[in-house]
Amino acid sequence: MINDESATEFCASARLRSEDELFDAAYEIQEFHVVALQRRMSRPNYQPSVSAVYEGVARERHHAINWLVGYCGQSWDEVTTDT
């Protein structure tokens, strides 16, 4: 945690995000995922590299935010990451 703050202080400072903030984040993460996919598809002899890690991170974040905002009413195990 930042500046050695205690877990109690960290939890006390936590706040719920507004729907607008969550949907803005969902849009940004989806765009990041699209860029990561396009980067891979634009390279004919693609070899996994750092960009593959970014694509995986983007996919996982996309999955999490879609679940958080209730994308298509899907449960955690069914959440899609449409791009």
C-alpha atoms as a PDB file:
ATOM      1  CA  MET A   1       0.000   0.000   0.000  1.00  0.00           C
ATOM      2  CA  ILE A   2       1.058   3.552  -0.613  1.00  0.00           C
ATOM      3  CA  ASN A   3       3.156   5.197   2.088  1.00  0.00           C
ATOM      4  CA  ASP A   4       2.848   2.221   4.444  1.00  0.00           C
ATOM      5  CA  GLU A   5      -0.793   3.011   5.142  1.00  0.00           C
ATOM      6  CA  SER A   6      -2.544   0.341   7.146  1.00  0.00           C
ATOM      7  CA  ALA A   7      -5.186  -1.950   5.711  1.00  0.00           C
ATOM      8  CA  THR A   8      -7.736  -0.259   7.969  1.00  0.00           C
ATOM      9  CA  GLU A   9      -6.880   3.172   6.581  1.00  0.00           C
ATOM     10  CA  PHE A  10      -6.984   1.823   3.048  1.00  0.00           C
ATOM     11  CA  CYS A  11     -10.438   0.268   3.579  1.00  0.00           C
ATOM     12  CA  ALA A  12     -11.707   3.437   5.251  1.00  0.00           C
ATOM     13  CA  SER A  13     -10.669   5.475   2.213  1.00  0.00           C
ATOM     14  CA  ALA A  14     -12.362   3.136  -0.266  1.00  0.00           C
ATOM     15  CA  ARG A  15     -15.425   4.404  -2.106  1.00  0.00           C
ATOM     16  CA  LEU A  16     -17.928   3.082  -4.590  1.00  0.00           C
ATOM     17  CA  ARG A  17     -17.482   4.324  -8.131  1.00  0.00           C
ATOM     18  CA  SER A  18     -20.370   5.948  -9.968  1.00  0.00           C
ATOM     19  CA  GLU A  19     -22.031   4.161 -12.862  1.00  0.00           C
ATOM     20  CA  ASP A  20     -20.585   6.773 -15.203  1.00  0.00           C
ATOM     21  CA  GLU A  21     -17.048   6.038 -13.976  1.00  0.00           C
ATOM     22  CA  LEU A  22     -17.587   2.279 -14.373  1.00  0.00           C
ATOM     23  CA  PHE A  23     -18.999   2.558 -17.883  1.00  0.00           C
ATOM     24  CA  ASP A  24     -16.208   4.951 -18.891  1.00  0.00           C
ATOM     25  CA  ALA A  25     -13.690   2.418 -17.580  1.00  0.00           C
ATOM     26  CA  ALA A  26     -15.483  -0.395 -19.438  1.00  0.00           C
ATOM     27  CA  TYR A  27     -15.244   1.573 -22.684  1.00  0.00           C
ATOM     28  CA  GLU A  28     -11.549   2.351 -22.193  1.00  0.00           C
ATOM     29  CA  ILE A  29     -10.711  -1.265 -21.349  1.00  0.00           C
ATOM     30  CA  GLN A  30     -12.624  -2.527 -24.383  1.00  0.00           C
ATOM     31  CA  GLU A  31     -10.685  -0.099 -26.595  1.00  0.00           C
ATOM     32  CA  PHE A  32      -7.395  -1.285 -25.048  1.00  0.00           C
ATOM     33  CA  HIS A  33      -8.403  -4.883 -25.780  1.00  0.00           C
ATOM     34  CA  VAL A  34      -9.268  -4.015 -29.401  1.00  0.00           C
ATOM     35  CA  VAL A  35      -5.885  -2.344 -29.894  1.00  0.00           C
ATOM     36  CA  ALA A  36      -4.095  -5.364 -28.408  1.00  0.00           C
ATOM     37  CA  LEU A  37      -5.978  -7.721 -30.748  1.00  0.00           C
ATOM     38  CA  GLN A  38      -5.312  -5.520 -33.782  1.00  0.00           C
ATOM     39  CA  ARG A  39      -1.615  -5.376 -32.932  1.00  0.00           C
ATOM     40  CA  ARG A  40      -1.439  -9.184 -32.958  1.00  0.00           C
ATOM     41  CA  MET A  41      -3.490  -9.582 -36.142  1.00  0.00           C
ATOM     42  CA  SER A  42      -1.471  -7.006 -38.075  1.00  0.00           C
ATOM     43  CA  ARG A  43       1.726  -9.061 -37.702  1.00  0.00           C
ATOM     44  CA  PRO A  44       1.695 -12.053 -40.095  1.00  0.00           C
ATOM     45  CA  ASN A  45       4.506 -13.932 -38.346  1.00  0.00           C
ATOM     46  CA  TYR A  46       3.332 -13.109 -34.850  1.00  0.00           C
ATOM     47  CA  GLN A  47       5.500 -14.466 -32.073  1.00  0.00           C
ATOM     48  CA  PRO A  48       4.200 -14.111 -28.506  1.00  0.00           C
ATOM     49  CA  SER A  49       5.977 -11.269 -26.790  1.00  0.00           C
ATOM     50  CA  VAL A  50       5.213  -8.475 -24.404  1.00  0.00           C
ATOM     51  CA  SER A  51       2.184  -7.537 -26.535  1.00  0.00           C
ATOM     52  CA  ALA A  52       0.771 -11.031 -25.896  1.00  0.00           C
ATOM     53  CA  VAL A  53       0.945 -10.301 -22.195  1.00  0.00           C
ATOM     54  CA  TYR A  54      -0.822  -7.000 -22.781  1.00  0.00           C
ATOM     55  CA  GLU A  55      -3.523  -8.797 -24.756  1.00  0.00           C
ATOM     56  CA  GLY A  56      -4.009 -11.253 -21.890  1.00  0.00           C
ATOM     57  CA  VAL A  57      -4.156  -8.436 -19.345  1.00  0.00           C
ATOM     58  CA  ALA A  58      -6.622  -6.554 -21.543  1.00  0.00           C
ATOM     59  CA  ARG A  59      -8.828  -9.642 -21.878  1.00  0.00           C
ATOM     60  CA  GLU A  60      -8.865 -10.287 -18.122  1.00  0.00           C
ATOM     61  CA  ARG A  61      -9.633  -6.644 -17.302  1.00  0.00           C
ATOM     62  CA  HIS A  62     -12.303  -6.593 -20.003  1.00  0.00           C
ATOM     63  CA  HIS A  63     -13.890  -9.701 -18.486  1.00  0.00           C
ATOM     64  CA  ALA A  64     -13.840  -8.215 -14.970  1.00  0.00           C
ATOM     65  CA  ILE A  65     -15.301  -4.830 -15.912  1.00  0.00           C
ATOM     66  CA  ASN A  66     -18.010  -6.453 -18.055  1.00  0.00           C
ATOM     67  CA  TRP A  67     -19.022  -8.553 -15.064  1.00  0.00           C
ATOM     68  CA  LEU A  68     -18.912  -5.537 -12.770  1.00  0.00           C
ATOM     69  CA  VAL A  69     -21.230  -3.453 -14.960  1.00  0.00           C
ATOM     70  CA  GLY A  70     -23.571  -6.410 -15.538  1.00  0.00           C
ATOM     71  CA  TYR A  71     -22.840  -6.722 -19.264  1.00  0.00           C
ATOM     72  CA  CYS A  72     -25.794  -8.518 -20.899  1.00  0.00           C
ATOM     73  CA  GLY A  73     -26.805  -9.862 -17.465  1.00  0.00           C
ATOM     74  CA  GLN A  74     -24.110 -12.549 -17.722  1.00  0.00           C
ATOM     75  CA  SER A  75     -22.748 -14.381 -14.683  1.00  0.00           C
ATOM     76  CA  TRP A  76     -18.994 -14.434 -13.991  1.00  0.00           C
ATOM     77  CA  ASP A  77     -18.479 -17.738 -15.799  1.00  0.00           C
ATOM     78  CA  GLU A  78     -20.445 -16.582 -18.855  1.00  0.00           C
ATOM     79  CA  VAL A  79     -19.163 -13.032 -19.296  1.00  0.00           C
ATOM     80  CA  THR A  80     -18.026 -12.337 -22.841  1.00  0.00           C
ATOM     81  CA  THR A  81     -15.410  -9.853 -23.965  1.00  0.00           C
ATOM     82  CA  ASP A  82     -16.911  -8.745 -27.242  1.00  0.00           C
ATOM     83  CA  THR A  83     -14.670  -6.390 -29.218  1.00  0.00           C
END
